[in-house]
Protein backbone atom coordinates (compact mmCIF):
# COMPACT_ATOMS: atom_id res chain seq x y z
CA UNK A 1 0.00 0.00 0.00
CA UNK A 2 2.91 2.34 0.71
CA UNK A 3 4.17 1.89 -2.85
CA UNK A 4 0.76 2.92 -4.20
CA UNK A 5 0.81 6.25 -2.36
CA UNK A 6 4.45 6.83 -3.27
CA UNK A 7 3.47 6.26 -6.90
CA UNK A 8 0.76 8.91 -6.61
CA UNK A 9 3.29 11.26 -5.01
CA UNK A 10 5.76 10.61 -7.81
CA UNK A 11 3.10 11.26 -10.46
CA UNK A 12 2.17 14.65 -9.05
CA UNK A 13 5.57 15.88 -7.84
CA UNK A 14 7.69 14.65 -10.75
CA UNK A 15 5.28 15.17 -13.66
CA UNK A 16 2.04 17.07 -13.11
CA UNK A 17 3.43 19.91 -10.96
CA UNK A 18 6.54 20.39 -13.10
CA UNK A 19 5.12 23.45 -14.94
CA UNK A 20 4.34 25.08 -11.59
CA UNK A 21 7.96 24.66 -10.53
CA UNK A 22 8.93 26.58 -13.66
CA UNK A 23 6.52 29.40 -12.77
CA UNK A 24 7.80 29.47 -9.17
CA UNK A 25 11.38 29.92 -10.38
CA UNK A 26 10.25 32.57 -12.87
CA UNK A 27 8.54 34.67 -10.17
CA UNK A 28 11.71 36.43 -9.06
CA UNK A 29 12.49 37.67 -12.56
CA UNK A 30 9.03 38.22 -14.10
CA UNK A 31 5.99 38.46 -11.82
CA UNK A 32 3.48 38.88 -14.66
CA UNK A 33 4.76 35.83 -16.51
CA UNK A 34 4.75 33.72 -13.37
CA UNK A 35 1.08 34.54 -12.74
CA UNK A 36 -0.21 33.85 -16.26
CA UNK A 37 -2.24 30.85 -15.12
CA UNK A 38 -3.87 32.92 -12.36
CA UNK A 39 -4.72 35.67 -14.84
CA UNK A 40 -6.13 33.11 -17.27
CA UNK A 41 -8.39 31.63 -14.58
CA UNK A 42 -9.54 35.10 -13.51
CA UNK A 43 -10.44 35.99 -17.10
CA UNK A 44 -12.37 32.74 -17.56
CA UNK A 45 -14.25 33.19 -14.27
CA UNK A 46 -15.04 36.84 -15.00
CA UNK A 47 -16.39 35.94 -18.42
CA UNK A 48 -18.53 33.17 -16.96
CA UNK A 49 -19.93 35.47 -14.25
CA UNK A 50 -20.81 38.18 -16.78
CA UNK A 51 -22.52 35.59 -19.01
CA UNK A 52 -24.43 34.16 -16.04
CA UNK A 53 -25.63 37.60 -14.89
CA UNK A 54 -26.78 38.45 -18.43
CA UNK A 55 -28.73 35.20 -18.60
CA UNK A 56 -30.35 35.89 -15.22
CA UNK A 57 -31.36 39.37 -16.40
CA UNK A 58 -32.75 37.92 -19.64
CA UNK A 59 -34.90 35.40 -17.76
CA UNK A 60 -36.09 38.06 -15.32
CA UNK A 61 -37.09 40.46 -18.11
CA UNK A 62 -39.07 37.66 -19.84
CA UNK A 63 -40.86 36.85 -16.53
CA UNK A 64 -39.60 33.26 -16.74
CA UNK A 65 -38.15 33.32 -13.25
CA UNK A 66 -40.29 31.61 -10.62
CA UNK A 67 -39.68 33.39 -7.32
CA UNK A 68 -42.50 31.66 -5.48
CA UNK A 69 -41.37 30.00 -2.25
CA UNK A 70 -43.06 26.78 -3.37
CA UNK A 71 -40.92 26.58 -6.50
CA UNK A 72 -39.10 23.65 -4.91
CA UNK A 73 -40.90 20.77 -3.30
CA UNK A 74 -38.68 20.81 -0.21
CA UNK A 75 -39.80 24.37 0.63
CA UNK A 76 -43.48 23.42 1.01
C-alpha atoms as a PDB file:
ATOM      1  CA  UNK A   1       0.000   0.000   0.000  1.00  0.00           C
ATOM      2  CA  UNK A   2       2.911   2.337   0.712  1.00  0.00           C
ATOM      3  CA  UNK A   3       4.175   1.894  -2.853  1.00  0.00           C
ATOM      4  CA  UNK A   4       0.757   2.920  -4.197  1.00  0.00           C
ATOM      5  CA  UNK A   5       0.808   6.249  -2.363  1.00  0.00           C
ATOM      6  CA  UNK A   6       4.454   6.831  -3.274  1.00  0.00           C
ATOM      7  CA  UNK A   7       3.471   6.257  -6.898  1.00  0.00           C
ATOM      8  CA  UNK A   8       0.761   8.905  -6.611  1.00  0.00           C
ATOM      9  CA  UNK A   9       3.291  11.261  -5.011  1.00  0.00           C
ATOM     10  CA  UNK A  10       5.762  10.613  -7.805  1.00  0.00           C
ATOM     11  CA  UNK A  11       3.104  11.260 -10.456  1.00  0.00           C
ATOM     12  CA  UNK A  12       2.170  14.651  -9.046  1.00  0.00           C
ATOM     13  CA  UNK A  13       5.568  15.881  -7.839  1.00  0.00           C
ATOM     14  CA  UNK A  14       7.687  14.652 -10.748  1.00  0.00           C
ATOM     15  CA  UNK A  15       5.278  15.169 -13.657  1.00  0.00           C
ATOM     16  CA  UNK A  16       2.042  17.067 -13.109  1.00  0.00           C
ATOM     17  CA  UNK A  17       3.432  19.910 -10.955  1.00  0.00           C
ATOM     18  CA  UNK A  18       6.536  20.392 -13.100  1.00  0.00           C
ATOM     19  CA  UNK A  19       5.117  23.450 -14.942  1.00  0.00           C
ATOM     20  CA  UNK A  20       4.338  25.082 -11.592  1.00  0.00           C
ATOM     21  CA  UNK A  21       7.962  24.660 -10.529  1.00  0.00           C
ATOM     22  CA  UNK A  22       8.926  26.575 -13.658  1.00  0.00           C
ATOM     23  CA  UNK A  23       6.525  29.400 -12.766  1.00  0.00           C
ATOM     24  CA  UNK A  24       7.803  29.468  -9.175  1.00  0.00           C
ATOM     25  CA  UNK A  25      11.382  29.923 -10.381  1.00  0.00           C
ATOM     26  CA  UNK A  26      10.254  32.570 -12.870  1.00  0.00           C
ATOM     27  CA  UNK A  27       8.541  34.674 -10.168  1.00  0.00           C
ATOM     28  CA  UNK A  28      11.714  36.428  -9.058  1.00  0.00           C
ATOM     29  CA  UNK A  29      12.486  37.674 -12.558  1.00  0.00           C
ATOM     30  CA  UNK A  30       9.030  38.223 -14.098  1.00  0.00           C
ATOM     31  CA  UNK A  31       5.989  38.458 -11.815  1.00  0.00           C
ATOM     32  CA  UNK A  32       3.477  38.875 -14.664  1.00  0.00           C
ATOM     33  CA  UNK A  33       4.761  35.829 -16.509  1.00  0.00           C
ATOM     34  CA  UNK A  34       4.752  33.723 -13.367  1.00  0.00           C
ATOM     35  CA  UNK A  35       1.085  34.536 -12.740  1.00  0.00           C
ATOM     36  CA  UNK A  36      -0.207  33.851 -16.262  1.00  0.00           C
ATOM     37  CA  UNK A  37      -2.244  30.851 -15.117  1.00  0.00           C
ATOM     38  CA  UNK A  38      -3.866  32.924 -12.358  1.00  0.00           C
ATOM     39  CA  UNK A  39      -4.723  35.671 -14.840  1.00  0.00           C
ATOM     40  CA  UNK A  40      -6.133  33.106 -17.266  1.00  0.00           C
ATOM     41  CA  UNK A  41      -8.387  31.627 -14.576  1.00  0.00           C
ATOM     42  CA  UNK A  42      -9.540  35.105 -13.505  1.00  0.00           C
ATOM     43  CA  UNK A  43     -10.444  35.994 -17.100  1.00  0.00           C
ATOM     44  CA  UNK A  44     -12.366  32.744 -17.558  1.00  0.00           C
ATOM     45  CA  UNK A  45     -14.247  33.188 -14.270  1.00  0.00           C
ATOM     46  CA  UNK A  46     -15.041  36.843 -14.997  1.00  0.00           C
ATOM     47  CA  UNK A  47     -16.391  35.941 -18.422  1.00  0.00           C
ATOM     48  CA  UNK A  48     -18.531  33.170 -16.956  1.00  0.00           C
ATOM     49  CA  UNK A  49     -19.929  35.474 -14.247  1.00  0.00           C
ATOM     50  CA  UNK A  50     -20.810  38.182 -16.784  1.00  0.00           C
ATOM     51  CA  UNK A  51     -22.520  35.595 -19.008  1.00  0.00           C
ATOM     52  CA  UNK A  52     -24.435  34.163 -16.037  1.00  0.00           C
ATOM     53  CA  UNK A  53     -25.634  37.598 -14.891  1.00  0.00           C
ATOM     54  CA  UNK A  54     -26.777  38.455 -18.430  1.00  0.00           C
ATOM     55  CA  UNK A  55     -28.726  35.196 -18.602  1.00  0.00           C
ATOM     56  CA  UNK A  56     -30.346  35.887 -15.220  1.00  0.00           C
ATOM     57  CA  UNK A  57     -31.357  39.369 -16.397  1.00  0.00           C
ATOM     58  CA  UNK A  58     -32.753  37.918 -19.643  1.00  0.00           C
ATOM     59  CA  UNK A  59     -34.903  35.400 -17.757  1.00  0.00           C
ATOM     60  CA  UNK A  60     -36.090  38.060 -15.316  1.00  0.00           C
ATOM     61  CA  UNK A  61     -37.088  40.455 -18.114  1.00  0.00           C
ATOM     62  CA  UNK A  62     -39.073  37.665 -19.836  1.00  0.00           C
ATOM     63  CA  UNK A  63     -40.857  36.854 -16.532  1.00  0.00           C
ATOM     64  CA  UNK A  64     -39.603  33.259 -16.742  1.00  0.00           C
ATOM     65  CA  UNK A  65     -38.152  33.320 -13.248  1.00  0.00           C
ATOM     66  CA  UNK A  66     -40.293  31.613 -10.624  1.00  0.00           C
ATOM     67  CA  UNK A  67     -39.680  33.389  -7.317  1.00  0.00           C
ATOM     68  CA  UNK A  68     -42.501  31.655  -5.478  1.00  0.00           C
ATOM     69  CA  UNK A  69     -41.371  30.000  -2.247  1.00  0.00           C
ATOM     70  CA  UNK A  70     -43.064  26.782  -3.371  1.00  0.00           C
ATOM     71  CA  UNK A  71     -40.924  26.576  -6.499  1.00  0.00           C
ATOM     72  CA  UNK A  72     -39.103  23.651  -4.908  1.00  0.00           C
ATOM     73  CA  UNK A  73     -40.902  20.771  -3.305  1.00  0.00           C
ATOM     74  CA  UNK A  74     -38.678  20.810  -0.211  1.00  0.00           C
ATOM     75  CA  UNK A  75     -39.797  24.371   0.634  1.00  0.00           C
ATOM     76  CA  UNK A  76     -43.480  23.415   1.010  1.00  0.00           C
END
